[in-house]
Amino acid sequence: MKKSSDVMTRDLVYSSPDDIVADVAQLMKKEDIGPVLIVRESSEGKRLVGIVTDRDLAIKVVGEGRDPQNTKVESVMTREVITCRADEDVQHAMRAMAEYQLRRIPVVDGDGMLVGIISQADVATRLNEPETTAEVVREISKE
């Protein structure tokens, strides 16, 4: 069985909780992504503390009439992030993605430091199990 670390993407886009929402929106545009991982960097690594999605910006910033130039990421980020561990079987990550209807799941090491992310595309292209991949996509897409 493959581990989460075998299929994850290691090239991450992330931001800090102290960053301004407008900068994160620009990062999303530049990188053509919907979610940005929020980390606190230290000598130990990048500790995952949240995630901000384009939907968060639409609802919590635009929808609430906040100023994107003066709103910090930490005030709109989701703090309870579903993750998987790098050393876990990738099936665990896929079950979590299906159960919580996640298109992406951050991967952390044993100390909770961010090391990667697994997306639907990673599962589809790096895991040679088309039936399992199809089932995960079906579950994620349920209403």
N, C-alpha and C. Protein backbone atom coordinates (compact mmCIF):
# COMPACT_ATOMS: atom_id res chain seq x y z
N MET A 1 0.83 -1.19 0.00
CA MET A 1 0.00 0.00 0.00
C MET A 1 0.87 1.25 0.00
N LYS A 2 0.41 2.23 -0.72
CA LYS A 2 1.14 3.50 -0.76
C LYS A 2 0.82 4.33 0.47
N LYS A 3 1.80 5.11 0.86
CA LYS A 3 1.65 6.05 1.98
C LYS A 3 1.19 7.39 1.41
N SER A 4 0.64 8.22 2.26
CA SER A 4 0.22 9.56 1.85
C SER A 4 1.40 10.32 1.25
N SER A 5 2.57 10.13 1.81
CA SER A 5 3.76 10.83 1.31
C SER A 5 4.11 10.42 -0.12
N ASP A 6 3.65 9.24 -0.56
CA ASP A 6 3.94 8.78 -1.92
C ASP A 6 3.13 9.50 -2.99
N VAL A 7 1.98 10.04 -2.61
CA VAL A 7 1.10 10.67 -3.61
C VAL A 7 0.93 12.17 -3.40
N MET A 8 1.41 12.70 -2.30
CA MET A 8 1.19 14.12 -1.99
C MET A 8 2.03 15.04 -2.87
N THR A 9 1.56 16.26 -2.99
CA THR A 9 2.31 17.32 -3.64
C THR A 9 3.13 18.02 -2.57
N ARG A 10 4.41 18.21 -2.84
CA ARG A 10 5.31 18.82 -1.85
C ARG A 10 5.51 20.32 -2.08
N ASP A 11 5.19 20.77 -3.28
CA ASP A 11 5.36 22.18 -3.63
C ASP A 11 4.12 22.93 -3.15
N LEU A 12 4.21 23.55 -1.98
CA LEU A 12 3.04 24.12 -1.32
C LEU A 12 2.94 25.63 -1.47
N VAL A 13 1.71 26.09 -1.48
CA VAL A 13 1.42 27.52 -1.43
C VAL A 13 0.82 27.77 -0.06
N TYR A 14 1.41 28.68 0.69
CA TYR A 14 0.93 28.94 2.04
C TYR A 14 1.09 30.41 2.39
N SER A 15 0.46 30.78 3.50
CA SER A 15 0.47 32.15 3.96
C SER A 15 0.50 32.12 5.49
N SER A 16 0.57 33.30 6.08
CA SER A 16 0.62 33.45 7.53
C SER A 16 -0.71 33.99 8.05
N PRO A 17 -1.08 33.68 9.29
CA PRO A 17 -2.32 34.21 9.84
C PRO A 17 -2.31 35.75 9.94
N ASP A 18 -1.11 36.33 9.97
CA ASP A 18 -1.00 37.78 10.08
C ASP A 18 -1.07 38.50 8.74
N ASP A 19 -1.09 37.74 7.64
CA ASP A 19 -1.17 38.36 6.32
C ASP A 19 -2.54 38.98 6.10
N ILE A 20 -2.61 39.89 5.15
CA ILE A 20 -3.85 40.58 4.82
C ILE A 20 -4.61 39.77 3.76
N VAL A 21 -5.91 39.72 3.90
CA VAL A 21 -6.78 38.95 3.02
C VAL A 21 -6.56 39.32 1.55
N ALA A 22 -6.39 40.59 1.24
CA ALA A 22 -6.18 41.00 -0.16
C ALA A 22 -4.95 40.33 -0.75
N ASP A 23 -3.89 40.18 0.06
CA ASP A 23 -2.67 39.52 -0.42
C ASP A 23 -2.92 38.04 -0.70
N VAL A 24 -3.71 37.40 0.15
CA VAL A 24 -4.03 35.98 -0.05
C VAL A 24 -4.88 35.82 -1.31
N ALA A 25 -5.81 36.73 -1.54
CA ALA A 25 -6.62 36.68 -2.76
C ALA A 25 -5.73 36.81 -4.00
N GLN A 26 -4.74 37.69 -3.93
CA GLN A 26 -3.80 37.85 -5.05
C GLN A 26 -2.97 36.58 -5.25
N LEU A 27 -2.59 35.95 -4.14
CA LEU A 27 -1.84 34.70 -4.22
C LEU A 27 -2.69 33.61 -4.89
N MET A 28 -3.96 33.55 -4.52
CA MET A 28 -4.87 32.58 -5.15
C MET A 28 -4.94 32.82 -6.66
N LYS A 29 -5.05 34.08 -7.03
CA LYS A 29 -5.13 34.43 -8.45
C LYS A 29 -3.84 34.05 -9.18
N LYS A 30 -2.71 34.44 -8.61
CA LYS A 30 -1.41 34.18 -9.23
C LYS A 30 -1.15 32.68 -9.40
N GLU A 31 -1.47 31.90 -8.38
CA GLU A 31 -1.21 30.46 -8.39
C GLU A 31 -2.36 29.64 -8.97
N ASP A 32 -3.48 30.31 -9.25
CA ASP A 32 -4.67 29.67 -9.79
C ASP A 32 -5.15 28.53 -8.89
N ILE A 33 -5.36 28.88 -7.61
CA ILE A 33 -5.79 27.90 -6.61
C ILE A 33 -6.97 28.45 -5.81
N GLY A 34 -7.72 27.56 -5.18
CA GLY A 34 -8.84 27.96 -4.34
C GLY A 34 -8.48 28.03 -2.87
N PRO A 35 -7.72 27.07 -2.34
CA PRO A 35 -7.35 27.14 -0.92
C PRO A 35 -5.90 27.57 -0.72
N VAL A 36 -5.67 28.27 0.38
CA VAL A 36 -4.31 28.60 0.79
C VAL A 36 -4.13 28.07 2.20
N LEU A 37 -3.09 27.30 2.41
CA LEU A 37 -2.77 26.76 3.72
C LEU A 37 -2.19 27.89 4.57
N ILE A 38 -2.57 27.92 5.84
CA ILE A 38 -2.10 28.97 6.74
C ILE A 38 -1.18 28.32 7.78
N VAL A 39 0.05 28.82 7.84
CA VAL A 39 1.06 28.22 8.71
C VAL A 39 1.74 29.27 9.58
N ARG A 40 2.25 28.80 10.70
CA ARG A 40 3.16 29.59 11.54
C ARG A 40 4.52 28.93 11.37
N GLU A 41 5.48 29.70 10.87
CA GLU A 41 6.81 29.16 10.65
C GLU A 41 7.67 29.32 11.90
N SER A 42 8.47 28.30 12.15
CA SER A 42 9.42 28.33 13.25
C SER A 42 10.65 27.52 12.83
N SER A 43 11.59 27.41 13.73
CA SER A 43 12.78 26.62 13.43
C SER A 43 12.45 25.14 13.25
N GLU A 44 11.31 24.72 13.80
CA GLU A 44 10.89 23.32 13.70
C GLU A 44 10.21 23.02 12.36
N GLY A 45 9.70 24.05 11.69
CA GLY A 45 9.01 23.84 10.42
C GLY A 45 7.80 24.74 10.29
N LYS A 46 6.88 24.30 9.46
CA LYS A 46 5.66 25.06 9.21
C LYS A 46 4.49 24.35 9.89
N ARG A 47 4.01 24.94 10.98
CA ARG A 47 2.88 24.34 11.70
C ARG A 47 1.58 24.81 11.05
N LEU A 48 0.77 23.87 10.60
CA LEU A 48 -0.51 24.18 9.98
C LEU A 48 -1.47 24.69 11.06
N VAL A 49 -1.99 25.91 10.87
CA VAL A 49 -2.91 26.49 11.85
C VAL A 49 -4.28 26.81 11.25
N GLY A 50 -4.40 26.66 9.93
CA GLY A 50 -5.69 26.94 9.31
C GLY A 50 -5.63 26.81 7.80
N ILE A 51 -6.75 27.14 7.19
CA ILE A 51 -6.85 27.14 5.74
C ILE A 51 -7.86 28.22 5.36
N VAL A 52 -7.60 28.89 4.24
CA VAL A 52 -8.53 29.89 3.71
C VAL A 52 -8.86 29.48 2.29
N THR A 53 -10.14 29.46 1.98
CA THR A 53 -10.58 29.12 0.63
C THR A 53 -11.16 30.36 -0.05
N ASP A 54 -11.31 30.26 -1.36
CA ASP A 54 -11.94 31.35 -2.09
C ASP A 54 -13.37 31.55 -1.58
N ARG A 55 -14.00 30.48 -1.16
CA ARG A 55 -15.36 30.58 -0.60
C ARG A 55 -15.34 31.36 0.72
N ASP A 56 -14.32 31.12 1.56
CA ASP A 56 -14.18 31.90 2.80
C ASP A 56 -14.11 33.39 2.50
N LEU A 57 -13.33 33.74 1.48
CA LEU A 57 -13.19 35.16 1.12
C LEU A 57 -14.51 35.73 0.63
N ALA A 58 -15.23 34.96 -0.16
CA ALA A 58 -16.52 35.43 -0.68
C ALA A 58 -17.53 35.64 0.45
N ILE A 59 -17.60 34.70 1.37
CA ILE A 59 -18.62 34.76 2.42
C ILE A 59 -18.19 35.64 3.59
N LYS A 60 -16.98 35.43 4.10
CA LYS A 60 -16.55 36.10 5.33
C LYS A 60 -15.96 37.48 5.11
N VAL A 61 -15.56 37.78 3.88
CA VAL A 61 -15.02 39.11 3.61
C VAL A 61 -16.03 39.92 2.79
N VAL A 62 -16.29 39.49 1.57
CA VAL A 62 -17.21 40.23 0.71
C VAL A 62 -18.62 40.20 1.30
N GLY A 63 -19.10 39.02 1.66
CA GLY A 63 -20.46 38.87 2.18
C GLY A 63 -20.72 39.63 3.46
N GLU A 64 -19.69 39.80 4.28
CA GLU A 64 -19.85 40.53 5.54
C GLU A 64 -19.39 41.99 5.43
N GLY A 65 -19.03 42.41 4.22
CA GLY A 65 -18.65 43.81 4.00
C GLY A 65 -17.34 44.22 4.66
N ARG A 66 -16.43 43.28 4.85
CA ARG A 66 -15.13 43.60 5.45
C ARG A 66 -14.20 44.20 4.40
N ASP A 67 -13.26 44.99 4.86
CA ASP A 67 -12.27 45.59 3.97
C ASP A 67 -11.13 44.60 3.77
N PRO A 68 -10.93 44.09 2.55
CA PRO A 68 -9.86 43.10 2.33
C PRO A 68 -8.46 43.66 2.55
N GLN A 69 -8.31 44.97 2.52
CA GLN A 69 -7.00 45.58 2.75
C GLN A 69 -6.67 45.69 4.24
N ASN A 70 -7.69 45.53 5.09
CA ASN A 70 -7.48 45.68 6.54
C ASN A 70 -7.94 44.48 7.35
N THR A 71 -8.21 43.38 6.68
CA THR A 71 -8.66 42.17 7.37
C THR A 71 -7.55 41.14 7.35
N LYS A 72 -7.20 40.66 8.54
CA LYS A 72 -6.15 39.64 8.63
C LYS A 72 -6.73 38.25 8.35
N VAL A 73 -5.90 37.42 7.80
CA VAL A 73 -6.28 36.05 7.45
C VAL A 73 -6.83 35.31 8.66
N GLU A 74 -6.22 35.49 9.82
CA GLU A 74 -6.65 34.71 10.98
C GLU A 74 -8.11 34.96 11.37
N SER A 75 -8.68 36.09 10.95
CA SER A 75 -10.07 36.37 11.31
C SER A 75 -11.07 35.69 10.37
N VAL A 76 -10.59 35.13 9.25
CA VAL A 76 -11.51 34.46 8.32
C VAL A 76 -11.12 33.02 8.01
N MET A 77 -9.98 32.57 8.51
CA MET A 77 -9.52 31.21 8.19
C MET A 77 -10.31 30.17 8.98
N THR A 78 -10.35 28.97 8.43
CA THR A 78 -10.91 27.82 9.13
C THR A 78 -9.78 27.24 9.97
N ARG A 79 -10.02 27.13 11.26
CA ARG A 79 -8.97 26.68 12.19
C ARG A 79 -8.94 25.17 12.37
N GLU A 80 -10.08 24.54 12.27
CA GLU A 80 -10.17 23.09 12.44
C GLU A 80 -9.97 22.43 11.08
N VAL A 81 -8.73 22.10 10.77
CA VAL A 81 -8.40 21.54 9.46
C VAL A 81 -8.28 20.03 9.56
N ILE A 82 -8.98 19.34 8.68
CA ILE A 82 -8.87 17.88 8.60
C ILE A 82 -7.55 17.60 7.87
N THR A 83 -6.71 16.76 8.47
CA THR A 83 -5.42 16.43 7.89
C THR A 83 -5.22 14.92 7.86
N CYS A 84 -4.16 14.51 7.22
CA CYS A 84 -3.71 13.12 7.31
C CYS A 84 -2.21 13.16 7.59
N ARG A 85 -1.68 12.05 8.01
CA ARG A 85 -0.25 11.99 8.31
C ARG A 85 0.50 11.39 7.13
N ALA A 86 1.71 11.87 6.92
CA ALA A 86 2.55 11.44 5.80
C ALA A 86 2.80 9.94 5.83
N ASP A 87 2.92 9.36 7.02
CA ASP A 87 3.26 7.94 7.14
C ASP A 87 2.03 7.02 7.13
N GLU A 88 0.84 7.59 7.04
CA GLU A 88 -0.38 6.78 6.99
C GLU A 88 -0.63 6.26 5.58
N ASP A 89 -1.34 5.16 5.52
CA ASP A 89 -1.77 4.60 4.25
C ASP A 89 -2.62 5.63 3.53
N VAL A 90 -2.43 5.79 2.24
CA VAL A 90 -3.17 6.78 1.46
C VAL A 90 -4.68 6.52 1.50
N GLN A 91 -5.07 5.29 1.77
CA GLN A 91 -6.50 4.97 1.89
C GLN A 91 -7.14 5.77 3.02
N HIS A 92 -6.39 6.01 4.09
CA HIS A 92 -6.89 6.82 5.20
C HIS A 92 -7.22 8.23 4.72
N ALA A 93 -6.33 8.81 3.94
CA ALA A 93 -6.55 10.15 3.39
C ALA A 93 -7.77 10.16 2.48
N MET A 94 -7.89 9.14 1.66
CA MET A 94 -9.02 9.06 0.73
C MET A 94 -10.35 8.91 1.47
N ARG A 95 -10.35 8.13 2.54
CA ARG A 95 -11.58 7.99 3.35
C ARG A 95 -11.96 9.32 3.98
N ALA A 96 -10.96 10.05 4.50
CA ALA A 96 -11.24 11.36 5.10
C ALA A 96 -11.75 12.35 4.06
N MET A 97 -11.15 12.33 2.86
CA MET A 97 -11.61 13.21 1.79
C MET A 97 -13.08 12.92 1.45
N ALA A 98 -13.42 11.64 1.36
CA ALA A 98 -14.80 11.25 1.04
C ALA A 98 -15.75 11.62 2.19
N GLU A 99 -15.37 11.29 3.42
CA GLU A 99 -16.25 11.53 4.57
C GLU A 99 -16.53 13.01 4.77
N TYR A 100 -15.52 13.85 4.65
CA TYR A 100 -15.67 15.28 4.89
C TYR A 100 -15.88 16.09 3.61
N GLN A 101 -16.00 15.40 2.48
CA GLN A 101 -16.20 16.02 1.17
C GLN A 101 -15.13 17.09 0.88
N LEU A 102 -13.87 16.65 0.98
CA LEU A 102 -12.73 17.53 0.75
C LEU A 102 -12.09 17.22 -0.59
N ARG A 103 -11.82 18.26 -1.35
CA ARG A 103 -11.12 18.08 -2.62
C ARG A 103 -9.62 18.01 -2.41
N ARG A 104 -9.17 18.49 -1.24
CA ARG A 104 -7.75 18.47 -0.89
C ARG A 104 -7.62 18.20 0.61
N ILE A 105 -6.54 17.54 0.97
CA ILE A 105 -6.30 17.29 2.40
C ILE A 105 -4.81 17.55 2.69
N PRO A 106 -4.53 18.45 3.63
CA PRO A 106 -3.13 18.70 3.99
C PRO A 106 -2.50 17.48 4.66
N VAL A 107 -1.21 17.33 4.46
CA VAL A 107 -0.46 16.21 5.02
C VAL A 107 0.54 16.78 6.02
N VAL A 108 0.54 16.21 7.22
CA VAL A 108 1.46 16.65 8.27
C VAL A 108 2.34 15.49 8.70
N ASP A 109 3.47 15.85 9.32
CA ASP A 109 4.35 14.81 9.86
C ASP A 109 3.91 14.46 11.28
N GLY A 110 4.67 13.62 11.95
CA GLY A 110 4.34 13.19 13.30
C GLY A 110 4.31 14.30 14.32
N ASP A 111 4.95 15.43 14.02
CA ASP A 111 4.96 16.58 14.93
C ASP A 111 3.92 17.63 14.54
N GLY A 112 3.10 17.33 13.55
CA GLY A 112 2.07 18.27 13.13
C GLY A 112 2.56 19.36 12.19
N MET A 113 3.76 19.16 11.63
CA MET A 113 4.30 20.14 10.68
C MET A 113 3.82 19.82 9.27
N LEU A 114 3.47 20.83 8.52
CA LEU A 114 2.98 20.67 7.17
C LEU A 114 4.08 20.17 6.25
N VAL A 115 3.80 19.09 5.53
CA VAL A 115 4.79 18.54 4.60
C VAL A 115 4.25 18.37 3.18
N GLY A 116 2.93 18.48 3.01
CA GLY A 116 2.38 18.29 1.68
C GLY A 116 0.88 18.47 1.66
N ILE A 117 0.31 18.18 0.51
CA ILE A 117 -1.15 18.22 0.35
C ILE A 117 -1.52 17.17 -0.70
N ILE A 118 -2.65 16.53 -0.50
CA ILE A 118 -3.16 15.56 -1.47
C ILE A 118 -4.43 16.14 -2.06
N SER A 119 -4.49 16.19 -3.38
CA SER A 119 -5.67 16.67 -4.08
C SER A 119 -6.32 15.51 -4.83
N GLN A 120 -7.52 15.75 -5.32
CA GLN A 120 -8.18 14.74 -6.15
C GLN A 120 -7.29 14.38 -7.33
N ALA A 121 -6.64 15.37 -7.92
CA ALA A 121 -5.77 15.12 -9.07
C ALA A 121 -4.59 14.23 -8.69
N ASP A 122 -4.03 14.43 -7.49
CA ASP A 122 -2.93 13.58 -7.04
C ASP A 122 -3.39 12.12 -6.94
N VAL A 123 -4.57 11.92 -6.39
CA VAL A 123 -5.12 10.58 -6.24
C VAL A 123 -5.33 9.96 -7.62
N ALA A 124 -5.90 10.75 -8.53
CA ALA A 124 -6.20 10.23 -9.87
C ALA A 124 -4.95 9.91 -10.68
N THR A 125 -3.90 10.70 -10.53
CA THR A 125 -2.72 10.51 -11.37
C THR A 125 -1.61 9.70 -10.73
N ARG A 126 -1.59 9.59 -9.42
CA ARG A 126 -0.48 8.90 -8.76
C ARG A 126 -0.87 7.59 -8.10
N LEU A 127 -2.14 7.32 -8.06
CA LEU A 127 -2.62 6.09 -7.44
C LEU A 127 -3.31 5.29 -8.54
N ASN A 128 -2.78 4.16 -8.86
CA ASN A 128 -3.30 3.38 -9.98
C ASN A 128 -4.48 2.52 -9.54
N GLU A 129 -5.55 3.19 -9.05
CA GLU A 129 -6.76 2.50 -8.61
C GLU A 129 -7.98 3.26 -9.09
N PRO A 130 -8.33 3.14 -10.37
CA PRO A 130 -9.41 3.95 -10.93
C PRO A 130 -10.76 3.79 -10.23
N GLU A 131 -11.11 2.59 -9.79
CA GLU A 131 -12.40 2.40 -9.12
C GLU A 131 -12.44 3.13 -7.80
N THR A 132 -11.37 3.03 -7.03
CA THR A 132 -11.30 3.70 -5.74
C THR A 132 -11.31 5.21 -5.93
N THR A 133 -10.56 5.68 -6.91
CA THR A 133 -10.52 7.11 -7.20
C THR A 133 -11.91 7.61 -7.58
N ALA A 134 -12.60 6.88 -8.42
CA ALA A 134 -13.95 7.27 -8.84
C ALA A 134 -14.90 7.34 -7.65
N GLU A 135 -14.78 6.40 -6.73
CA GLU A 135 -15.65 6.39 -5.55
C GLU A 135 -15.37 7.60 -4.67
N VAL A 136 -14.10 7.94 -4.48
CA VAL A 136 -13.75 9.12 -3.68
C VAL A 136 -14.33 10.39 -4.31
N VAL A 137 -14.16 10.52 -5.61
CA VAL A 137 -14.68 11.70 -6.31
C VAL A 137 -16.21 11.76 -6.17
N ARG A 138 -16.87 10.62 -6.29
CA ARG A 138 -18.34 10.56 -6.13
C ARG A 138 -18.74 11.05 -4.74
N GLU A 139 -18.06 10.54 -3.72
CA GLU A 139 -18.39 10.91 -2.34
C GLU A 139 -18.13 12.39 -2.06
N ILE A 140 -17.02 12.91 -2.57
CA ILE A 140 -16.68 14.31 -2.37
C ILE A 140 -17.73 15.21 -3.01
N SER A 141 -18.26 14.78 -4.14
CA SER A 141 -19.18 15.60 -4.92
C SER A 141 -20.64 15.47 -4.50
N LYS A 142 -20.95 14.62 -3.53
CA LYS A 142 -22.33 14.46 -3.07
C LYS A 142 -22.87 15.78 -2.54
N GLU A 143 -24.19 15.95 -2.71
CA GLU A 143 -24.81 17.16 -2.17
C GLU A 143 -25.20 16.93 -0.74
